Amino acid sequence: MSSFKIKSFVLGPLQTNCYLLTVEDEAAEQTSGIIIDPGMNPKALLDSIGGIKIEAILLTHAHFDHMGGVDQVRKAADCPVYVHDLEADWLTDSRKNGSMRWQDVTEPLATDPAEYALEEGMELKLIGHSFKVLHTPGHSPGSVSYVCGQHIFSGDVLFRASIGRTDLPGGREADLYDSIQNKLYKLADEAIVYPGHGPRTTIGFEKANNPYVRVK
């Protein structure tokens, strides 16, 4: 298959980035896709996936602003959901996914369980490509980053000139710094980072400019 196209959506009150990756198979006259982090209020995403065979929903972590649209999208696309095993029960528990604590932003949210559990080093074969799972905890215990070639989907671990917060339940500052220094910063400088909020960046830019995590 050819290289994938990436379309981004900014969803919900916390302006969460959702990514739709698609590949056209001209021989089969079929477009296949995967969705990373279907956030809250996913109407714009749902309007864009008609006619696309969605193979999977990948979650970088299970905070409510990243998983709020899971059930709507899963039902519409008839596809499985992947989340790290450490946060498997967050989908079904509004206290753990944070929606119970943010009632000024959302009603308590809960979804059906994910179909698949992720762990460090897994290789997911989707839309004709291989996506490597890096366990990158710190923002949350089950945070993962997905790496495919020069594309990195980092969730709330690494942002442009910033990093994910660690003051939420299950967050740990030392783990976040370790995830960035010893996993993400080991990737190619030209690799593009697609974060859970805000604009994209590159590993090289962050190594040179991020004020929170310096290169050792």
N, C-alpha and C. Protein backbone atom coordinates (compact mmCIF):
# COMPACT_ATOMS: atom_id res chain seq x y z
N MET A 1 0.83 -1.20 0.00
CA MET A 1 0.00 0.00 0.00
C MET A 1 0.87 1.26 0.00
N SER A 2 0.28 2.37 -0.36
CA SER A 2 1.00 3.63 -0.39
C SER A 2 1.10 4.21 1.02
N SER A 3 1.84 5.31 1.15
CA SER A 3 1.94 5.99 2.44
C SER A 3 0.59 6.55 2.84
N PHE A 4 0.40 6.71 4.14
CA PHE A 4 -0.91 7.15 4.60
C PHE A 4 -1.03 8.67 4.62
N LYS A 5 -2.27 9.12 4.55
CA LYS A 5 -2.58 10.53 4.72
C LYS A 5 -3.04 10.75 6.15
N ILE A 6 -2.74 11.92 6.68
CA ILE A 6 -3.10 12.24 8.06
C ILE A 6 -4.01 13.46 8.07
N LYS A 7 -5.19 13.29 8.63
CA LYS A 7 -6.11 14.40 8.82
C LYS A 7 -6.33 14.57 10.32
N SER A 8 -6.24 15.79 10.79
CA SER A 8 -6.39 16.03 12.23
C SER A 8 -7.69 16.77 12.51
N PHE A 9 -8.23 16.49 13.68
CA PHE A 9 -9.45 17.13 14.18
C PHE A 9 -9.16 17.63 15.59
N VAL A 10 -9.70 18.78 15.92
CA VAL A 10 -9.58 19.29 17.29
C VAL A 10 -10.96 19.15 17.92
N LEU A 11 -11.06 18.26 18.91
CA LEU A 11 -12.36 17.83 19.41
C LEU A 11 -12.55 18.17 20.89
N GLY A 12 -13.77 18.57 21.22
CA GLY A 12 -14.17 18.71 22.62
C GLY A 12 -13.68 19.97 23.29
N PRO A 13 -14.13 20.19 24.52
CA PRO A 13 -13.82 21.43 25.24
C PRO A 13 -12.35 21.59 25.61
N LEU A 14 -11.60 20.50 25.65
CA LEU A 14 -10.18 20.60 25.97
C LEU A 14 -9.31 20.61 24.72
N GLN A 15 -9.94 20.77 23.54
CA GLN A 15 -9.22 20.94 22.28
C GLN A 15 -8.21 19.80 22.05
N THR A 16 -8.74 18.59 22.09
CA THR A 16 -7.91 17.40 21.95
C THR A 16 -7.70 17.06 20.48
N ASN A 17 -6.46 16.77 20.13
CA ASN A 17 -6.16 16.37 18.75
C ASN A 17 -6.55 14.91 18.53
N CYS A 18 -7.33 14.69 17.48
CA CYS A 18 -7.66 13.36 17.00
C CYS A 18 -7.07 13.23 15.60
N TYR A 19 -6.54 12.06 15.28
CA TYR A 19 -5.91 11.86 13.98
C TYR A 19 -6.58 10.71 13.23
N LEU A 20 -6.90 10.98 11.97
CA LEU A 20 -7.44 9.97 11.06
C LEU A 20 -6.38 9.68 10.01
N LEU A 21 -5.87 8.46 9.99
CA LEU A 21 -4.86 8.04 9.04
C LEU A 21 -5.53 7.16 8.00
N THR A 22 -5.36 7.48 6.73
CA THR A 22 -6.02 6.71 5.67
C THR A 22 -5.05 6.33 4.56
N VAL A 23 -5.35 5.19 3.95
CA VAL A 23 -4.59 4.68 2.81
C VAL A 23 -5.59 4.25 1.74
N GLU A 24 -5.34 4.67 0.52
CA GLU A 24 -6.20 4.27 -0.60
C GLU A 24 -5.60 3.06 -1.30
N ASP A 25 -6.40 2.03 -1.44
CA ASP A 25 -6.02 0.84 -2.20
C ASP A 25 -6.79 0.88 -3.52
N GLU A 26 -6.13 1.39 -4.55
CA GLU A 26 -6.81 1.59 -5.83
C GLU A 26 -7.26 0.27 -6.44
N ALA A 27 -6.47 -0.78 -6.26
CA ALA A 27 -6.82 -2.08 -6.84
C ALA A 27 -8.13 -2.60 -6.24
N ALA A 28 -8.27 -2.41 -4.94
CA ALA A 28 -9.48 -2.88 -4.26
C ALA A 28 -10.58 -1.83 -4.23
N GLU A 29 -10.26 -0.64 -4.74
CA GLU A 29 -11.20 0.49 -4.71
C GLU A 29 -11.73 0.70 -3.29
N GLN A 30 -10.80 0.70 -2.35
CA GLN A 30 -11.16 0.79 -0.95
C GLN A 30 -10.19 1.72 -0.23
N THR A 31 -10.72 2.57 0.66
CA THR A 31 -9.89 3.38 1.54
C THR A 31 -9.97 2.80 2.94
N SER A 32 -8.80 2.50 3.53
CA SER A 32 -8.73 1.99 4.88
C SER A 32 -8.18 3.06 5.80
N GLY A 33 -8.53 2.96 7.08
CA GLY A 33 -8.06 3.98 8.01
C GLY A 33 -7.97 3.48 9.43
N ILE A 34 -7.26 4.23 10.25
CA ILE A 34 -7.26 4.06 11.69
C ILE A 34 -7.48 5.43 12.32
N ILE A 35 -7.97 5.41 13.54
CA ILE A 35 -8.24 6.65 14.28
C ILE A 35 -7.44 6.62 15.56
N ILE A 36 -6.74 7.69 15.85
CA ILE A 36 -6.00 7.83 17.10
C ILE A 36 -6.68 8.88 17.95
N ASP A 37 -7.15 8.47 19.13
CA ASP A 37 -7.76 9.35 20.14
C ASP A 37 -9.03 10.06 19.65
N PRO A 38 -10.14 9.33 19.56
CA PRO A 38 -11.41 9.99 19.21
C PRO A 38 -11.96 10.73 20.42
N GLY A 39 -11.67 12.00 20.51
CA GLY A 39 -12.04 12.79 21.68
C GLY A 39 -13.53 13.07 21.76
N MET A 40 -13.87 13.96 22.64
CA MET A 40 -15.28 14.28 22.88
C MET A 40 -15.89 15.03 21.71
N ASN A 41 -17.21 14.91 21.58
CA ASN A 41 -17.96 15.59 20.53
C ASN A 41 -17.37 15.29 19.14
N PRO A 42 -17.37 14.00 18.73
CA PRO A 42 -16.64 13.62 17.52
C PRO A 42 -17.42 13.76 16.21
N LYS A 43 -18.39 14.66 16.15
CA LYS A 43 -19.21 14.76 14.94
C LYS A 43 -18.38 15.00 13.69
N ALA A 44 -17.42 15.91 13.77
CA ALA A 44 -16.60 16.21 12.59
C ALA A 44 -15.85 14.97 12.12
N LEU A 45 -15.36 14.17 13.07
CA LEU A 45 -14.70 12.93 12.71
C LEU A 45 -15.68 11.95 12.08
N LEU A 46 -16.84 11.78 12.69
CA LEU A 46 -17.84 10.85 12.17
C LEU A 46 -18.27 11.24 10.76
N ASP A 47 -18.38 12.54 10.50
CA ASP A 47 -18.77 13.00 9.18
C ASP A 47 -17.71 12.69 8.12
N SER A 48 -16.47 12.42 8.57
CA SER A 48 -15.36 12.22 7.63
C SER A 48 -15.04 10.77 7.35
N ILE A 49 -15.66 9.84 8.08
CA ILE A 49 -15.25 8.45 7.93
C ILE A 49 -16.23 7.61 7.11
N GLY A 50 -17.26 8.24 6.57
CA GLY A 50 -18.17 7.50 5.71
C GLY A 50 -17.45 6.94 4.49
N GLY A 51 -17.63 5.67 4.20
CA GLY A 51 -16.97 5.04 3.07
C GLY A 51 -15.56 4.57 3.34
N ILE A 52 -15.03 4.84 4.55
CA ILE A 52 -13.69 4.39 4.91
C ILE A 52 -13.81 3.14 5.79
N LYS A 53 -13.04 2.13 5.49
CA LYS A 53 -13.00 0.94 6.33
C LYS A 53 -12.04 1.21 7.49
N ILE A 54 -12.57 1.53 8.65
CA ILE A 54 -11.74 1.81 9.82
C ILE A 54 -11.32 0.49 10.45
N GLU A 55 -10.02 0.28 10.52
CA GLU A 55 -9.50 -0.99 11.05
C GLU A 55 -9.34 -0.98 12.56
N ALA A 56 -9.15 0.21 13.15
CA ALA A 56 -8.91 0.23 14.59
C ALA A 56 -9.01 1.65 15.13
N ILE A 57 -9.33 1.73 16.41
CA ILE A 57 -9.20 2.95 17.20
C ILE A 57 -8.05 2.73 18.16
N LEU A 58 -7.02 3.57 18.08
CA LEU A 58 -5.86 3.49 18.96
C LEU A 58 -5.92 4.62 19.96
N LEU A 59 -5.81 4.29 21.24
CA LEU A 59 -5.78 5.31 22.28
C LEU A 59 -4.36 5.48 22.79
N THR A 60 -3.91 6.74 22.88
CA THR A 60 -2.62 6.99 23.49
C THR A 60 -2.71 6.86 25.01
N HIS A 61 -3.88 7.14 25.56
CA HIS A 61 -4.18 6.92 26.97
C HIS A 61 -5.67 7.11 27.15
N ALA A 62 -6.16 6.85 28.36
CA ALA A 62 -7.61 6.77 28.54
C ALA A 62 -8.19 7.91 29.36
N HIS A 63 -7.59 9.09 29.33
CA HIS A 63 -8.25 10.25 29.92
C HIS A 63 -9.48 10.60 29.09
N PHE A 64 -10.48 11.16 29.76
CA PHE A 64 -11.79 11.34 29.12
C PHE A 64 -11.75 12.17 27.86
N ASP A 65 -10.86 13.15 27.79
CA ASP A 65 -10.84 14.01 26.61
C ASP A 65 -10.26 13.31 25.39
N HIS A 66 -9.62 12.17 25.60
CA HIS A 66 -9.06 11.40 24.49
C HIS A 66 -9.96 10.22 24.11
N MET A 67 -10.75 9.72 25.06
CA MET A 67 -11.58 8.55 24.78
C MET A 67 -13.08 8.85 24.77
N GLY A 68 -13.45 10.13 24.88
CA GLY A 68 -14.85 10.48 25.01
C GLY A 68 -15.73 10.05 23.84
N GLY A 69 -15.16 9.95 22.65
CA GLY A 69 -15.94 9.57 21.48
C GLY A 69 -15.82 8.11 21.10
N VAL A 70 -15.18 7.30 21.97
CA VAL A 70 -14.90 5.91 21.60
C VAL A 70 -16.15 5.15 21.19
N ASP A 71 -17.17 5.16 22.03
CA ASP A 71 -18.32 4.32 21.73
C ASP A 71 -19.07 4.77 20.48
N GLN A 72 -19.20 6.09 20.29
CA GLN A 72 -19.87 6.57 19.08
C GLN A 72 -19.11 6.14 17.83
N VAL A 73 -17.80 6.30 17.86
CA VAL A 73 -16.99 5.98 16.69
C VAL A 73 -16.90 4.47 16.50
N ARG A 74 -16.73 3.73 17.57
CA ARG A 74 -16.66 2.26 17.46
C ARG A 74 -17.95 1.71 16.87
N LYS A 75 -19.08 2.24 17.30
CA LYS A 75 -20.36 1.77 16.78
C LYS A 75 -20.51 2.12 15.30
N ALA A 76 -20.12 3.34 14.93
CA ALA A 76 -20.26 3.77 13.54
C ALA A 76 -19.33 3.00 12.61
N ALA A 77 -18.12 2.72 13.11
CA ALA A 77 -17.10 2.11 12.25
C ALA A 77 -17.01 0.60 12.40
N ASP A 78 -17.62 0.05 13.43
CA ASP A 78 -17.57 -1.39 13.70
C ASP A 78 -16.13 -1.88 13.72
N CYS A 79 -15.35 -1.30 14.63
CA CYS A 79 -13.92 -1.62 14.69
C CYS A 79 -13.49 -1.80 16.15
N PRO A 80 -12.36 -2.44 16.38
CA PRO A 80 -11.87 -2.65 17.75
C PRO A 80 -11.12 -1.45 18.30
N VAL A 81 -10.99 -1.44 19.62
CA VAL A 81 -10.27 -0.38 20.34
C VAL A 81 -9.05 -0.99 21.02
N TYR A 82 -7.94 -0.26 20.98
CA TYR A 82 -6.70 -0.67 21.62
C TYR A 82 -6.33 0.34 22.71
N VAL A 83 -5.95 -0.15 23.90
CA VAL A 83 -5.48 0.72 24.97
C VAL A 83 -4.47 -0.08 25.79
N HIS A 84 -3.54 0.61 26.45
CA HIS A 84 -2.57 -0.11 27.27
C HIS A 84 -3.27 -0.80 28.42
N ASP A 85 -2.76 -1.99 28.76
CA ASP A 85 -3.41 -2.81 29.78
C ASP A 85 -3.52 -2.11 31.13
N LEU A 86 -2.58 -1.21 31.45
CA LEU A 86 -2.63 -0.51 32.73
C LEU A 86 -3.84 0.41 32.84
N GLU A 87 -4.45 0.76 31.71
CA GLU A 87 -5.61 1.65 31.74
C GLU A 87 -6.85 0.97 31.15
N ALA A 88 -6.84 -0.35 31.11
CA ALA A 88 -7.98 -1.07 30.55
C ALA A 88 -9.27 -0.74 31.27
N ASP A 89 -9.20 -0.61 32.60
CA ASP A 89 -10.42 -0.35 33.36
C ASP A 89 -10.78 1.13 33.43
N TRP A 90 -9.95 1.98 32.88
CA TRP A 90 -10.28 3.42 32.87
C TRP A 90 -11.45 3.71 31.94
N LEU A 91 -11.57 2.92 30.89
CA LEU A 91 -12.66 3.17 29.94
C LEU A 91 -14.02 2.99 30.59
N THR A 92 -14.11 2.08 31.51
CA THR A 92 -15.39 1.75 32.13
C THR A 92 -15.62 2.48 33.45
N ASP A 93 -14.66 3.29 33.88
CA ASP A 93 -14.71 3.91 35.21
C ASP A 93 -14.52 5.42 35.08
N SER A 94 -15.57 6.19 35.31
CA SER A 94 -15.50 7.65 35.14
C SER A 94 -14.60 8.31 36.18
N ARG A 95 -14.35 7.64 37.29
CA ARG A 95 -13.42 8.20 38.27
C ARG A 95 -11.99 8.09 37.75
N LYS A 96 -11.65 6.95 37.17
CA LYS A 96 -10.28 6.75 36.71
C LYS A 96 -9.98 7.54 35.44
N ASN A 97 -10.95 7.67 34.53
CA ASN A 97 -10.66 8.43 33.30
C ASN A 97 -10.76 9.94 33.50
N GLY A 98 -11.13 10.36 34.69
CA GLY A 98 -11.11 11.78 35.03
C GLY A 98 -12.38 12.55 34.80
N SER A 99 -13.33 11.96 34.11
CA SER A 99 -14.54 12.72 33.79
C SER A 99 -15.38 13.03 35.02
N MET A 100 -15.29 12.21 36.04
CA MET A 100 -16.02 12.48 37.27
C MET A 100 -15.49 13.72 37.98
N ARG A 101 -14.20 14.01 37.79
CA ARG A 101 -13.57 15.14 38.47
C ARG A 101 -13.79 16.46 37.72
N TRP A 102 -14.15 16.40 36.45
CA TRP A 102 -14.25 17.60 35.60
C TRP A 102 -15.70 17.83 35.20
N GLN A 103 -16.58 17.87 36.17
CA GLN A 103 -18.00 17.95 35.84
C GLN A 103 -18.42 19.32 35.34
N ASP A 104 -17.52 20.31 35.43
CA ASP A 104 -17.80 21.58 34.79
C ASP A 104 -17.53 21.52 33.29
N VAL A 105 -16.88 20.44 32.85
CA VAL A 105 -16.51 20.26 31.44
C VAL A 105 -17.35 19.17 30.78
N THR A 106 -17.66 18.12 31.54
CA THR A 106 -18.34 16.98 30.94
C THR A 106 -19.15 16.23 31.98
N GLU A 107 -20.13 15.51 31.52
CA GLU A 107 -20.80 14.56 32.39
C GLU A 107 -19.88 13.35 32.58
N PRO A 108 -20.08 12.54 33.61
CA PRO A 108 -19.25 11.34 33.77
C PRO A 108 -19.35 10.45 32.53
N LEU A 109 -18.20 9.98 32.07
CA LEU A 109 -18.12 9.17 30.85
C LEU A 109 -17.63 7.77 31.15
N ALA A 110 -18.23 6.80 30.51
CA ALA A 110 -17.76 5.43 30.58
C ALA A 110 -18.11 4.75 29.27
N THR A 111 -17.26 3.83 28.84
CA THR A 111 -17.48 3.11 27.59
C THR A 111 -17.35 1.62 27.84
N ASP A 112 -17.69 0.85 26.84
CA ASP A 112 -17.41 -0.58 26.91
C ASP A 112 -15.90 -0.81 26.91
N PRO A 113 -15.44 -1.95 27.40
CA PRO A 113 -14.00 -2.22 27.43
C PRO A 113 -13.39 -2.24 26.03
N ALA A 114 -12.07 -2.04 25.98
CA ALA A 114 -11.34 -2.17 24.72
C ALA A 114 -11.24 -3.64 24.34
N GLU A 115 -11.11 -3.87 23.05
CA GLU A 115 -10.97 -5.25 22.57
C GLU A 115 -9.54 -5.78 22.72
N TYR A 116 -8.55 -4.88 22.68
CA TYR A 116 -7.16 -5.32 22.70
C TYR A 116 -6.35 -4.50 23.70
N ALA A 117 -5.42 -5.19 24.38
CA ALA A 117 -4.52 -4.55 25.33
C ALA A 117 -3.14 -4.36 24.70
N LEU A 118 -2.55 -3.22 24.94
CA LEU A 118 -1.24 -2.89 24.39
C LEU A 118 -0.16 -3.10 25.43
N GLU A 119 1.06 -3.35 24.94
CA GLU A 119 2.22 -3.40 25.82
C GLU A 119 3.45 -2.95 25.04
N GLU A 120 4.51 -2.64 25.78
CA GLU A 120 5.74 -2.13 25.20
C GLU A 120 6.27 -3.04 24.09
N GLY A 121 6.62 -2.41 22.97
CA GLY A 121 7.28 -3.12 21.89
C GLY A 121 6.37 -3.82 20.90
N MET A 122 5.08 -3.80 21.12
CA MET A 122 4.17 -4.45 20.17
C MET A 122 4.27 -3.79 18.80
N GLU A 123 4.07 -4.57 17.77
CA GLU A 123 4.02 -4.06 16.40
C GLU A 123 2.61 -4.33 15.87
N LEU A 124 1.87 -3.27 15.62
CA LEU A 124 0.51 -3.39 15.11
C LEU A 124 0.53 -3.25 13.60
N LYS A 125 0.01 -4.25 12.90
CA LYS A 125 -0.04 -4.22 11.45
C LYS A 125 -1.42 -3.71 11.04
N LEU A 126 -1.47 -2.46 10.63
CA LEU A 126 -2.73 -1.80 10.30
C LEU A 126 -2.55 -0.96 9.04
N ILE A 127 -3.58 -0.87 8.25
CA ILE A 127 -3.62 -0.12 6.99
C ILE A 127 -2.35 -0.30 6.16
N GLY A 128 -1.82 -1.53 6.18
CA GLY A 128 -0.65 -1.82 5.38
C GLY A 128 0.65 -1.29 5.94
N HIS A 129 0.66 -0.86 7.18
CA HIS A 129 1.85 -0.31 7.82
C HIS A 129 2.04 -0.94 9.19
N SER A 130 3.24 -0.75 9.73
CA SER A 130 3.56 -1.27 11.05
C SER A 130 3.68 -0.10 12.03
N PHE A 131 2.94 -0.17 13.11
CA PHE A 131 2.96 0.85 14.15
C PHE A 131 3.56 0.24 15.41
N LYS A 132 4.70 0.75 15.83
CA LYS A 132 5.36 0.24 17.03
C LYS A 132 4.81 0.96 18.26
N VAL A 133 4.53 0.20 19.29
CA VAL A 133 4.00 0.75 20.54
C VAL A 133 5.15 0.99 21.51
N LEU A 134 5.32 2.25 21.92
CA LEU A 134 6.27 2.59 22.98
C LEU A 134 5.48 2.93 24.23
N HIS A 135 5.74 2.24 25.31
CA HIS A 135 5.11 2.58 26.59
C HIS A 135 5.82 3.81 27.13
N THR A 136 5.11 4.93 27.20
CA THR A 136 5.71 6.20 27.61
C THR A 136 4.94 6.80 28.78
N PRO A 137 5.03 6.17 29.96
CA PRO A 137 4.26 6.64 31.11
C PRO A 137 4.79 7.96 31.66
N GLY A 138 4.03 8.53 32.56
CA GLY A 138 4.40 9.78 33.21
C GLY A 138 3.21 10.69 33.32
N HIS A 139 2.59 10.98 32.17
CA HIS A 139 1.33 11.73 32.20
C HIS A 139 0.25 10.85 32.80
N SER A 140 0.26 9.60 32.42
CA SER A 140 -0.62 8.58 33.00
C SER A 140 0.14 7.27 32.93
N PRO A 141 -0.22 6.28 33.76
CA PRO A 141 0.58 5.05 33.81
C PRO A 141 0.57 4.22 32.54
N GLY A 142 -0.51 4.33 31.76
CA GLY A 142 -0.61 3.54 30.55
C GLY A 142 -0.44 4.33 29.28
N SER A 143 0.14 5.51 29.36
CA SER A 143 0.36 6.31 28.15
C SER A 143 1.29 5.57 27.19
N VAL A 144 0.93 5.61 25.91
CA VAL A 144 1.79 5.03 24.88
C VAL A 144 1.97 6.04 23.76
N SER A 145 3.05 5.85 23.01
CA SER A 145 3.28 6.59 21.77
C SER A 145 3.34 5.57 20.63
N TYR A 146 2.78 5.95 19.50
CA TYR A 146 2.77 5.08 18.33
C TYR A 146 3.78 5.62 17.31
N VAL A 147 4.66 4.76 16.84
CA VAL A 147 5.71 5.17 15.91
C VAL A 147 5.55 4.39 14.61
N CYS A 148 5.46 5.12 13.51
CA CYS A 148 5.41 4.52 12.18
C CYS A 148 6.32 5.33 11.27
N GLY A 149 7.47 4.77 10.95
CA GLY A 149 8.43 5.51 10.14
C GLY A 149 8.86 6.78 10.86
N GLN A 150 8.66 7.91 10.20
CA GLN A 150 9.04 9.20 10.78
C GLN A 150 7.86 9.91 11.46
N HIS A 151 6.83 9.17 11.78
CA HIS A 151 5.64 9.75 12.41
C HIS A 151 5.50 9.20 13.83
N ILE A 152 5.31 10.10 14.78
CA ILE A 152 5.16 9.72 16.19
C ILE A 152 3.89 10.36 16.73
N PHE A 153 3.01 9.55 17.25
CA PHE A 153 1.77 10.05 17.86
C PHE A 153 1.94 9.90 19.37
N SER A 154 2.17 11.04 20.04
CA SER A 154 2.70 11.02 21.40
C SER A 154 1.67 11.26 22.49
N GLY A 155 0.41 11.45 22.14
CA GLY A 155 -0.58 11.73 23.18
C GLY A 155 -0.19 12.94 24.00
N ASP A 156 -0.29 12.82 25.33
CA ASP A 156 0.01 13.96 26.21
C ASP A 156 1.37 13.81 26.89
N VAL A 157 2.31 13.17 26.20
CA VAL A 157 3.66 13.01 26.74
C VAL A 157 4.53 14.20 26.37
N LEU A 158 4.62 14.48 25.07
CA LEU A 158 5.49 15.54 24.56
C LEU A 158 4.70 16.47 23.67
N PHE A 159 4.82 17.77 23.96
CA PHE A 159 4.19 18.81 23.15
C PHE A 159 5.27 19.70 22.56
N ARG A 160 4.86 20.60 21.67
CA ARG A 160 5.82 21.58 21.14
C ARG A 160 6.26 22.50 22.28
N ALA A 161 7.54 22.43 22.63
CA ALA A 161 8.15 23.24 23.69
C ALA A 161 7.46 23.05 25.04
N SER A 162 6.89 21.88 25.24
CA SER A 162 6.23 21.62 26.52
C SER A 162 6.13 20.11 26.72
N ILE A 163 5.59 19.74 27.88
CA ILE A 163 5.42 18.33 28.22
C ILE A 163 4.07 18.14 28.90
N GLY A 164 3.66 16.90 29.03
CA GLY A 164 2.39 16.60 29.66
C GLY A 164 2.42 16.86 31.16
N ARG A 165 1.27 17.18 31.72
CA ARG A 165 1.17 17.40 33.16
C ARG A 165 1.29 16.06 33.88
N THR A 166 1.79 16.13 35.12
CA THR A 166 1.99 14.91 35.90
C THR A 166 1.27 14.96 37.24
N ASP A 167 0.38 15.95 37.41
CA ASP A 167 -0.28 16.13 38.70
C ASP A 167 -1.64 15.44 38.77
N LEU A 168 -2.01 14.68 37.74
CA LEU A 168 -3.26 13.93 37.77
C LEU A 168 -3.01 12.55 38.37
N PRO A 169 -4.04 11.89 38.87
CA PRO A 169 -3.84 10.56 39.46
C PRO A 169 -3.12 9.61 38.52
N GLY A 170 -2.08 8.97 39.02
CA GLY A 170 -1.29 8.05 38.20
C GLY A 170 -0.15 8.71 37.46
N GLY A 171 -0.06 10.05 37.50
CA GLY A 171 1.04 10.74 36.86
C GLY A 171 2.29 10.68 37.71
N ARG A 172 3.44 10.74 37.06
CA ARG A 172 4.71 10.69 37.80
C ARG A 172 5.78 11.41 36.98
N GLU A 173 6.32 12.48 37.55
CA GLU A 173 7.25 13.33 36.83
C GLU A 173 8.49 12.57 36.38
N ALA A 174 9.06 11.75 37.26
CA ALA A 174 10.28 11.02 36.89
C ALA A 174 10.03 10.09 35.70
N ASP A 175 8.87 9.47 35.68
CA ASP A 175 8.54 8.58 34.56
C ASP A 175 8.41 9.35 33.26
N LEU A 176 7.80 10.54 33.33
CA LEU A 176 7.63 11.34 32.12
C LEU A 176 8.99 11.74 31.53
N TYR A 177 9.88 12.23 32.39
CA TYR A 177 11.21 12.61 31.91
C TYR A 177 11.93 11.41 31.31
N ASP A 178 11.80 10.26 31.95
CA ASP A 178 12.45 9.05 31.43
C ASP A 178 11.87 8.66 30.07
N SER A 179 10.55 8.74 29.93
CA SER A 179 9.91 8.40 28.66
C SER A 179 10.41 9.28 27.53
N ILE A 180 10.55 10.57 27.81
CA ILE A 180 10.99 11.50 26.77
C ILE A 180 12.47 11.33 26.47
N GLN A 181 13.29 11.32 27.53
CA GLN A 181 14.74 11.23 27.33
C GLN A 181 15.15 9.91 26.69
N ASN A 182 14.62 8.81 27.19
CA ASN A 182 15.16 7.50 26.85
C ASN A 182 14.35 6.74 25.80
N LYS A 183 13.23 7.31 25.39
CA LYS A 183 12.47 6.67 24.31
C LYS A 183 12.24 7.65 23.15
N LEU A 184 11.56 8.76 23.40
CA LEU A 184 11.24 9.66 22.29
C LEU A 184 12.48 10.37 21.76
N TYR A 185 13.36 10.84 22.64
CA TYR A 185 14.56 11.55 22.18
C TYR A 185 15.57 10.62 21.50
N LYS A 186 15.36 9.32 21.58
CA LYS A 186 16.23 8.37 20.89
C LYS A 186 15.83 8.19 19.43
N LEU A 187 14.67 8.73 19.07
CA LEU A 187 14.19 8.62 17.70
C LEU A 187 14.85 9.70 16.83
N ALA A 188 14.68 9.59 15.53
CA ALA A 188 15.37 10.49 14.60
C ALA A 188 14.97 11.94 14.80
N ASP A 189 15.93 12.84 14.66
CA ASP A 189 15.65 14.27 14.84
C ASP A 189 14.57 14.76 13.89
N GLU A 190 14.50 14.19 12.69
CA GLU A 190 13.53 14.66 11.71
C GLU A 190 12.14 14.06 11.92
N ALA A 191 12.01 13.14 12.85
CA ALA A 191 10.71 12.52 13.09
C ALA A 191 9.70 13.58 13.55
N ILE A 192 8.50 13.48 12.99
CA ILE A 192 7.43 14.45 13.28
C ILE A 192 6.60 13.93 14.45
N VAL A 193 6.37 14.80 15.41
CA VAL A 193 5.59 14.46 16.59
C VAL A 193 4.19 15.06 16.45
N TYR A 194 3.20 14.21 16.56
CA TYR A 194 1.80 14.62 16.51
C TYR A 194 1.24 14.49 17.93
N PRO A 195 1.14 15.60 18.67
CA PRO A 195 0.78 15.52 20.08
C PRO A 195 -0.73 15.49 20.30
N GLY A 196 -1.10 15.25 21.55
CA GLY A 196 -2.52 15.19 21.91
C GLY A 196 -3.19 16.55 21.98
N HIS A 197 -2.39 17.61 22.06
CA HIS A 197 -2.92 18.98 22.07
C HIS A 197 -1.89 19.88 21.40
N GLY A 198 -2.37 20.90 20.72
CA GLY A 198 -1.47 21.88 20.14
C GLY A 198 -0.82 21.44 18.84
N PRO A 199 0.12 22.26 18.33
CA PRO A 199 0.71 22.02 17.01
C PRO A 199 1.73 20.88 17.02
N ARG A 200 1.96 20.34 15.83
CA ARG A 200 2.98 19.30 15.70
C ARG A 200 4.37 19.88 15.86
N THR A 201 5.33 19.02 16.06
CA THR A 201 6.71 19.46 16.24
C THR A 201 7.63 18.36 15.71
N THR A 202 8.91 18.45 15.98
CA THR A 202 9.84 17.39 15.60
C THR A 202 10.71 17.04 16.81
N ILE A 203 11.27 15.86 16.78
CA ILE A 203 12.17 15.45 17.86
C ILE A 203 13.37 16.39 17.93
N GLY A 204 13.93 16.73 16.78
CA GLY A 204 15.08 17.62 16.78
C GLY A 204 14.78 18.98 17.39
N PHE A 205 13.61 19.54 17.06
CA PHE A 205 13.23 20.84 17.64
C PHE A 205 13.12 20.74 19.15
N GLU A 206 12.51 19.67 19.63
CA GLU A 206 12.34 19.53 21.08
C GLU A 206 13.66 19.32 21.79
N LYS A 207 14.54 18.54 21.22
CA LYS A 207 15.85 18.34 21.84
C LYS A 207 16.62 19.64 21.96
N ALA A 208 16.42 20.54 21.00
CA ALA A 208 17.15 21.81 20.99
C ALA A 208 16.44 22.90 21.78
N ASN A 209 15.11 22.80 21.92
CA ASN A 209 14.36 23.95 22.43
C ASN A 209 13.43 23.68 23.61
N ASN A 210 13.11 22.44 23.89
CA ASN A 210 12.17 22.18 24.96
C ASN A 210 12.76 22.59 26.31
N PRO A 211 12.13 23.52 27.02
CA PRO A 211 12.73 24.02 28.27
C PRO A 211 12.60 23.05 29.45
N TYR A 212 11.79 22.00 29.29
CA TYR A 212 11.53 21.11 30.41
C TYR A 212 12.40 19.85 30.40
N VAL A 213 12.71 19.36 29.21
CA VAL A 213 13.51 18.14 29.10
C VAL A 213 14.68 18.41 28.16
N ARG A 214 15.85 18.51 28.73
CA ARG A 214 17.05 18.78 27.96
C ARG A 214 17.72 17.47 27.55
N VAL A 215 18.48 17.53 26.49
CA VAL A 215 19.24 16.37 26.07
C VAL A 215 20.37 16.13 27.05
N LYS A 216 20.50 14.89 27.50
CA LYS A 216 21.58 14.58 28.45
C LYS A 216 22.92 14.57 27.76
